[in-house]
Amino acid sequence: MLTLPLLALDASSTRCVAGLWADGAMRGEISREGPTGEAALLPRLVADLLDAQSVAPRNLAGVAVVVGPGSFTGIRASLAFAHGLSLAAGCPIIAVTVAEALAEGVGPRLGAGLWCALDARKGRVFLSRSDDPADWLATSVDAAPMPDGTVLIAGDAAMPLCDALAARGAAVSPVAARRPELA
């Protein structure tokens, strides 16, 4: 028996992506990458994805949407679109932070902590140091707090943050997860 699919949306970075998840697997995904304005493509991406998978919006189990941190315009556009779609389809919205999505992509950590660092431009990062979705800190790379123990760092600012912390003697390692992946 097929379960109703979940639509996943992310426009928090330079990539705008829509995916359809059902029965424990990604059924389809469409994305566009570019410097600006990709969130404006989200309605077309979703329409194309649902059409390709023969899914009517009323048959969605829910709409999962990345809520940040990230591009203000992208997040605002994807949240507004997700809200409108969920109202029209009569399904719930599921909020997912970038840290939650990255943690899912990292997998087992073997006792190490996981921090998520996102580029906030001009030498600054958005930093999550816990599993608490509300625990985000905006800081400069050079003023980032020292970790207690060994820490893995995910996100698109993992390398500069690892370099800065390692130079100060921290036990840190970057991981491959740079941005949320739907699959």
C-alpha atoms as a PDB file:
ATOM      1  CA  MET A   1       0.000   0.000   0.000  1.00  0.00           C
ATOM      2  CA  LEU A   2       1.431   3.374  -0.988  1.00  0.00           C
ATOM      3  CA  THR A   3       1.506   6.107   1.591  1.00  0.00           C
ATOM      4  CA  LEU A   4       0.712   9.714   0.748  1.00  0.00           C
ATOM      5  CA  PRO A   5       3.839  11.582  -0.350  1.00  0.00           C
ATOM      6  CA  LEU A   6       5.537  14.374   1.566  1.00  0.00           C
ATOM      7  CA  LEU A   7       6.659  17.424  -0.397  1.00  0.00           C
ATOM      8  CA  ALA A   8      10.001  18.862   0.772  1.00  0.00           C
ATOM      9  CA  LEU A   9      11.094  22.426  -0.081  1.00  0.00           C
ATOM     10  CA  ASP A  10      14.359  24.297   0.434  1.00  0.00           C
ATOM     11  CA  ALA A  11      15.193  27.789  -0.809  1.00  0.00           C
ATOM     12  CA  SER A  12      17.466  28.775   2.094  1.00  0.00           C
ATOM     13  CA  SER A  13      20.604  29.063  -0.059  1.00  0.00           C
ATOM     14  CA  THR A  14      21.572  29.610  -3.689  1.00  0.00           C
ATOM     15  CA  ARG A  15      19.843  26.350  -4.541  1.00  0.00           C
ATOM     16  CA  CYS A  16      16.073  26.056  -4.768  1.00  0.00           C
ATOM     17  CA  VAL A  17      14.857  22.460  -4.532  1.00  0.00           C
ATOM     18  CA  ALA A  18      11.589  20.546  -4.332  1.00  0.00           C
ATOM     19  CA  GLY A  19      11.437  16.826  -3.621  1.00  0.00           C
ATOM     20  CA  LEU A  20       8.740  14.213  -3.184  1.00  0.00           C
ATOM     21  CA  TRP A  21       9.261  11.551  -0.516  1.00  0.00           C
ATOM     22  CA  ALA A  22       7.037   8.462  -0.187  1.00  0.00           C
ATOM     23  CA  ASP A  23       7.315   4.885   1.030  1.00  0.00           C
ATOM     24  CA  GLY A  24      10.765   5.440   2.530  1.00  0.00           C
ATOM     25  CA  ALA A  25      12.399   6.810  -0.612  1.00  0.00           C
ATOM     26  CA  MET A  26      12.778   9.956  -2.675  1.00  0.00           C
ATOM     27  CA  ARG A  27      10.403   9.619  -5.625  1.00  0.00           C
ATOM     28  CA  GLY A  28      11.553  12.723  -7.453  1.00  0.00           C
ATOM     29  CA  GLU A  29      13.502  15.938  -7.076  1.00  0.00           C
ATOM     30  CA  ILE A  30      13.892  19.114  -9.119  1.00  0.00           C
ATOM     31  CA  SER A  31      16.369  21.882  -8.299  1.00  0.00           C
ATOM     32  CA  ARG A  32      17.834  25.078  -9.712  1.00  0.00           C
ATOM     33  CA  GLU A  33      21.063  26.741  -8.646  1.00  0.00           C
ATOM     34  CA  GLY A  34      22.039  30.360  -9.131  1.00  0.00           C
ATOM     35  CA  PRO A  35      23.126  33.543  -7.411  1.00  0.00           C
ATOM     36  CA  THR A  36      19.690  35.147  -6.823  1.00  0.00           C
ATOM     37  CA  GLY A  37      15.980  34.782  -7.409  1.00  0.00           C
ATOM     38  CA  GLU A  38      15.785  31.013  -7.421  1.00  0.00           C
ATOM     39  CA  ALA A  39      12.985  31.013  -4.813  1.00  0.00           C
ATOM     40  CA  ALA A  40      10.752  32.648  -7.435  1.00  0.00           C
ATOM     41  CA  LEU A  41      11.033  29.385  -9.384  1.00  0.00           C
ATOM     42  CA  LEU A  42       9.615  27.277  -6.534  1.00  0.00           C
ATOM     43  CA  PRO A  43       5.957  27.203  -7.704  1.00  0.00           C
ATOM     44  CA  ARG A  44       7.033  26.085 -11.192  1.00  0.00           C
ATOM     45  CA  LEU A  45       9.428  23.466  -9.785  1.00  0.00           C
ATOM     46  CA  VAL A  46       6.704  22.036  -7.554  1.00  0.00           C
ATOM     47  CA  ALA A  47       4.140  22.000 -10.370  1.00  0.00           C
ATOM     48  CA  ASP A  48       6.602  20.193 -12.650  1.00  0.00           C
ATOM     49  CA  LEU A  49       7.544  17.713  -9.910  1.00  0.00           C
ATOM     50  CA  LEU A  50       3.955  16.890  -8.948  1.00  0.00           C
ATOM     51  CA  ASP A  51       3.011  16.561 -12.621  1.00  0.00           C
ATOM     52  CA  ALA A  52       5.967  14.258 -13.353  1.00  0.00           C
ATOM     53  CA  GLN A  53       5.006  12.052 -10.383  1.00  0.00           C
ATOM     54  CA  SER A  54       1.245  12.180 -11.132  1.00  0.00           C
ATOM     55  CA  VAL A  55       0.485  13.560  -7.678  1.00  0.00           C
ATOM     56  CA  ALA A  56      -2.306  16.045  -7.052  1.00  0.00           C
ATOM     57  CA  PRO A  57      -1.620  18.622  -4.293  1.00  0.00           C
ATOM     58  CA  ARG A  58      -4.692  17.370  -2.398  1.00  0.00           C
ATOM     59  CA  ASN A  59      -2.912  13.979  -2.100  1.00  0.00           C
ATOM     60  CA  LEU A  60       0.057  15.317  -0.128  1.00  0.00           C
ATOM     61  CA  ALA A  61       0.605  14.078   3.427  1.00  0.00           C
ATOM     62  CA  GLY A  62       2.384  17.328   4.283  1.00  0.00           C
ATOM     63  CA  VAL A  63       4.811  20.000   3.179  1.00  0.00           C
ATOM     64  CA  ALA A  64       8.242  20.036   4.850  1.00  0.00           C
ATOM     65  CA  VAL A  65      10.095  23.327   4.446  1.00  0.00           C
ATOM     66  CA  VAL A  66      13.566  24.479   5.535  1.00  0.00           C
ATOM     67  CA  VAL A  67      13.069  27.443   7.874  1.00  0.00           C
ATOM     68  CA  GLY A  68      16.628  28.664   8.166  1.00  0.00           C
ATOM     69  CA  PRO A  69      18.914  30.169   8.821  1.00  0.00           C
ATOM     70  CA  GLY A  70      19.769  31.225   5.326  1.00  0.00           C
ATOM     71  CA  SER A  71      18.700  33.585   2.601  1.00  0.00           C
ATOM     72  CA  PHE A  72      15.991  35.855   4.008  1.00  0.00           C
ATOM     73  CA  THR A  73      14.205  36.182   0.672  1.00  0.00           C
ATOM     74  CA  GLY A  74      14.450  32.472  -0.122  1.00  0.00           C
ATOM     75  CA  ILE A  75      13.174  31.405   3.274  1.00  0.00           C
ATOM     76  CA  ARG A  76      10.360  33.951   3.224  1.00  0.00           C
ATOM     77  CA  ALA A  77       9.301  32.878  -0.289  1.00  0.00           C
ATOM     78  CA  SER A  78       9.439  29.149   0.471  1.00  0.00           C
ATOM     79  CA  LEU A  79       7.521  29.585   3.746  1.00  0.00           C
ATOM     80  CA  ALA A  80       4.807  31.629   2.056  1.00  0.00           C
ATOM     81  CA  PHE A  81       4.527  29.112  -0.767  1.00  0.00           C
ATOM     82  CA  ALA A  82       4.473  26.142   1.666  1.00  0.00           C
ATOM     83  CA  HIS A  83       1.792  27.839   3.763  1.00  0.00           C
ATOM     84  CA  GLY A  84      -0.436  28.539   0.759  1.00  0.00           C
ATOM     85  CA  LEU A  85       0.044  25.045  -0.641  1.00  0.00           C
ATOM     86  CA  SER A  86      -0.682  23.378   2.699  1.00  0.00           C
ATOM     87  CA  LEU A  87      -3.876  25.404   3.102  1.00  0.00           C
ATOM     88  CA  ALA A  88      -5.033  24.509  -0.413  1.00  0.00           C
ATOM     89  CA  ALA A  89      -4.107  20.833   0.011  1.00  0.00           C
ATOM     90  CA  GLY A  90      -5.437  20.572   3.578  1.00  0.00           C
ATOM     91  CA  CYS A  91      -2.171  19.121   4.888  1.00  0.00           C
ATOM     92  CA  PRO A  92       0.249  20.189   7.642  1.00  0.00           C
ATOM     93  CA  ILE A  93       3.493  22.145   7.325  1.00  0.00           C
ATOM     94  CA  ILE A  94       6.595  20.606   8.890  1.00  0.00           C
ATOM     95  CA  ALA A  95       9.359  23.088   9.778  1.00  0.00           C
ATOM     96  CA  VAL A  96      12.935  21.818   9.452  1.00  0.00           C
ATOM     97  CA  THR A  97      15.998  23.851  10.397  1.00  0.00           C
ATOM     98  CA  VAL A  98      19.199  23.664   8.389  1.00  0.00           C
ATOM     99  CA  ALA A  99      20.914  22.129  11.446  1.00  0.00           C
ATOM    100  CA  GLU A 100      18.318  19.356  11.649  1.00  0.00           C
ATOM    101  CA  ALA A 101      18.652  18.624   7.935  1.00  0.00           C
ATOM    102  CA  LEU A 102      22.462  18.637   8.054  1.00  0.00           C
ATOM    103  CA  ALA A 103      22.523  16.406  11.149  1.00  0.00           C
ATOM    104  CA  GLU A 104      20.361  13.887   9.314  1.00  0.00           C
ATOM    105  CA  GLY A 105      22.843  13.900   6.441  1.00  0.00           C
ATOM    106  CA  VAL A 106      25.883  13.407   8.695  1.00  0.00           C
ATOM    107  CA  GLY A 107      24.781  10.108  10.245  1.00  0.00           C
ATOM    108  CA  PRO A 108      26.693   8.439  13.116  1.00  0.00           C
ATOM    109  CA  ARG A 109      29.101  10.728  14.943  1.00  0.00           C
ATOM    110  CA  LEU A 110      30.967   8.221  17.133  1.00  0.00           C
ATOM    111  CA  GLY A 111      30.746  10.355  20.268  1.00  0.00           C
ATOM    112  CA  ALA A 112      31.723  13.629  18.631  1.00  0.00           C
ATOM    113  CA  GLY A 113      29.504  16.670  18.841  1.00  0.00           C
ATOM    114  CA  LEU A 114      28.071  18.246  15.711  1.00  0.00           C
ATOM    115  CA  TRP A 115      28.103  21.934  14.924  1.00  0.00           C
ATOM    116  CA  CYS A 116      26.554  23.465  11.829  1.00  0.00           C
ATOM    117  CA  ALA A 117      28.160  26.553  10.334  1.00  0.00           C
ATOM    118  CA  LEU A 118      26.561  28.546   7.534  1.00  0.00           C
ATOM    119  CA  ASP A 119      28.201  31.378   5.635  1.00  0.00           C
ATOM    120  CA  ALA A 120      26.700  34.718   6.703  1.00  0.00           C
ATOM    121  CA  ARG A 121      29.157  36.626   4.475  1.00  0.00           C
ATOM    122  CA  LYS A 122      31.908  39.082   5.359  1.00  0.00           C
ATOM    123  CA  GLY A 123      33.751  36.630   7.645  1.00  0.00           C
ATOM    124  CA  ARG A 124      30.674  35.833   9.728  1.00  0.00           C
ATOM    125  CA  VAL A 125      28.830  32.549  10.258  1.00  0.00           C
ATOM    126  CA  PHE A 126      25.516  31.364  11.595  1.00  0.00           C
ATOM    127  CA  LEU A 127      26.501  28.660  14.089  1.00  0.00           C
ATOM    128  CA  SER A 128      24.405  25.951  15.709  1.00  0.00           C
ATOM    129  CA  ARG A 129      26.143  24.100  18.537  1.00  0.00           C
ATOM    130  CA  SER A 130      23.379  21.755  19.662  1.00  0.00           C
ATOM    131  CA  ASP A 131      20.347  19.763  18.621  1.00  0.00           C
ATOM    132  CA  ASP A 132      18.135  22.669  19.715  1.00  0.00           C
ATOM    133  CA  PRO A 133      16.676  24.176  16.519  1.00  0.00           C
ATOM    134  CA  ALA A 134      16.503  27.601  18.183  1.00  0.00           C
ATOM    135  CA  ASP A 135      20.191  27.580  19.197  1.00  0.00           C
ATOM    136  CA  TRP A 136      21.775  29.685  16.451  1.00  0.00           C
ATOM    137  CA  LEU A 137      24.542  32.197  17.065  1.00  0.00           C
ATOM    138  CA  ALA A 138      25.731  34.834  14.599  1.00  0.00           C
ATOM    139  CA  THR A 139      29.462  35.369  15.070  1.00  0.00           C
ATOM    140  CA  SER A 140      32.647  36.126  13.207  1.00  0.00           C
ATOM    141  CA  VAL A 141      34.739  33.106  12.259  1.00  0.00           C
ATOM    142  CA  ASP A 142      37.629  34.382  14.395  1.00  0.00           C
ATOM    143  CA  ALA A 143      35.454  34.970  17.486  1.00  0.00           C
ATOM    144  CA  ALA A 144      33.594  31.634  17.396  1.00  0.00           C
ATOM    145  CA  PRO A 145      33.454  29.912  20.778  1.00  0.00           C
ATOM    146  CA  MET A 146      35.785  27.002  21.496  1.00  0.00           C
ATOM    147  CA  PRO A 147      34.093  23.586  21.620  1.00  0.00           C
ATOM    148  CA  ASP A 148      34.152  21.280  24.621  1.00  0.00           C
ATOM    149  CA  GLY A 149      35.662  18.072  23.240  1.00  0.00           C
ATOM    150  CA  THR A 150      35.781  16.790  19.694  1.00  0.00           C
ATOM    151  CA  VAL A 151      33.373  18.414  17.248  1.00  0.00           C
ATOM    152  CA  LEU A 152      32.422  17.673  13.656  1.00  0.00           C
ATOM    153  CA  ILE A 153      31.401  20.729  11.660  1.00  0.00           C
ATOM    154  CA  ALA A 154      28.886  20.617   8.795  1.00  0.00           C
ATOM    155  CA  GLY A 155      27.643  23.399   6.558  1.00  0.00           C
ATOM    156  CA  ASP A 156      28.978  25.624   3.809  1.00  0.00           C
ATOM    157  CA  ALA A 157      31.219  27.506   6.282  1.00  0.00           C
ATOM    158  CA  ALA A 158      32.680  24.349   7.863  1.00  0.00           C
ATOM    159  CA  MET A 159      36.166  24.733   6.361  1.00  0.00           C
ATOM    160  CA  PRO A 160      36.883  28.341   7.408  1.00  0.00           C
ATOM    161  CA  LEU A 161      35.461  27.684  10.880  1.00  0.00           C
ATOM    162  CA  CYS A 162      37.482  24.461  11.267  1.00  0.00           C
ATOM    163  CA  ASP A 163      40.630  26.281  10.177  1.00  0.00           C
ATOM    164  CA  ALA A 164      40.076  29.115  12.665  1.00  0.00           C
ATOM    165  CA  LEU A 165      39.215  26.807  15.572  1.00  0.00           C
ATOM    166  CA  ALA A 166      42.028  24.342  14.825  1.00  0.00           C
ATOM    167  CA  ALA A 167      44.500  27.256  14.793  1.00  0.00           C
ATOM    168  CA  ARG A 168      43.345  27.960  18.367  1.00  0.00           C
ATOM    169  CA  GLY A 169      43.852  24.295  19.383  1.00  0.00           C
ATOM    170  CA  ALA A 170      40.323  22.894  19.061  1.00  0.00           C
ATOM    171  CA  ALA A 171      39.703  19.262  18.060  1.00  0.00           C
ATOM    172  CA  VAL A 172      37.476  19.863  15.031  1.00  0.00           C
ATOM    173  CA  SER A 173      36.913  18.125  11.705  1.00  0.00           C
ATOM    174  CA  PRO A 174      34.785  19.143   8.730  1.00  0.00           C
ATOM    175  CA  VAL A 175      32.223  16.679   7.382  1.00  0.00           C
ATOM    176  CA  ALA A 176      30.987  16.353   3.817  1.00  0.00           C
ATOM    177  CA  ALA A 177      27.472  17.694   4.526  1.00  0.00           C
ATOM    178  CA  ARG A 178      27.584  21.264   3.198  1.00  0.00           C
ATOM    179  CA  ARG A 179      23.875  21.989   2.638  1.00  0.00           C
ATOM    180  CA  PRO A 180      20.603  20.183   3.314  1.00  0.00           C
ATOM    181  CA  GLU A 181      19.898  17.293   0.958  1.00  0.00           C
ATOM    182  CA  LEU A 182      16.378  15.985   0.489  1.00  0.00           C
ATOM    183  CA  ALA A 183      17.331  12.359  -0.175  1.00  0.00           C
END
